[in-house]
């Protein structure tokens, strides 16, 4: 019996009120802490050295002075920041509205592709053709076709608002990607789940709604969040249609003063929005991995 076990046994017999770790365990914990401190110090030192080398290489380049004036001007940064933030509100509205539409349309497409029975083949074929087409079509081409093609038709009652048309193009493209994510989640549910639900008297629709979809959605939350992060960045492409978002606001100032600092500001604003969403996605993924490793429901 080890020394730790002896101490534990004494504690359970009531001879000692508190557990006292053995000297060997104390030594192991001291060694782990020293290793952790050493690893932290090495990582910090290597980071400082790498940063110093990059700083010296960049600032020592022949064109650094001109690059700093053109891309990193504090004067133009202060000028561009308020207008870029005003345009960012449009990007955030597009993210919320288009994100909700993408999730709904993507789920409907995924369900249509997983329906069974020969009578539903046309619906499956249409959903497959939709996802194949818009997954293969570059987003910028889809934007150009919708933004400039729809107004050219001169259809009565059809909007020509560039924001609505740009958002429509985003929904069309991203719903195809999200549909494949949902379909992968639906197909990952074991067939025995459907069989068990049907044996209990549930219909096919009730089985899909109450048994399959809840499990499928939980399993695909991390990739769905990644798609929303990509959507948040691509909302800046609506500037192609002339909508004044953060990117177009930066473009106006850059074109007026021939300085590209506003583009840098717009890029940093998008990065500041993307990083929290990315970290949240990583946290959700790690949480689900821990629950899966422990045998919990995912």
Foldseek 3Di string as FASTA:
>chain_A
DDPQVVQVVCCVVVVDVDGDDDPVVVVVVVVVVVVVVVVVVVVVVVVVVVVVVVVCVQCVDPCNVVCCVFAPNPVVLVVQVVLLVVQAVLLVVLLVVLLVLLLVLLQVLLVLLPDDDPVSVVSNVVSVVQLVVLQPDDLLVLLVCQQPVVVVVVDPPDDNPLSVSNSVSLSSNSSSVSNVLLNVLLVVPDVVQVVVCVVVPDDPVCSCVPTRNVQSCLVSVLVSLVSSLVSSVCSVSSCVSVRSHSQVSQVVSCVVPVGNNSVVSSVVVSVVVSVVSVVVSVVSVVVVVVCVVVVHRD
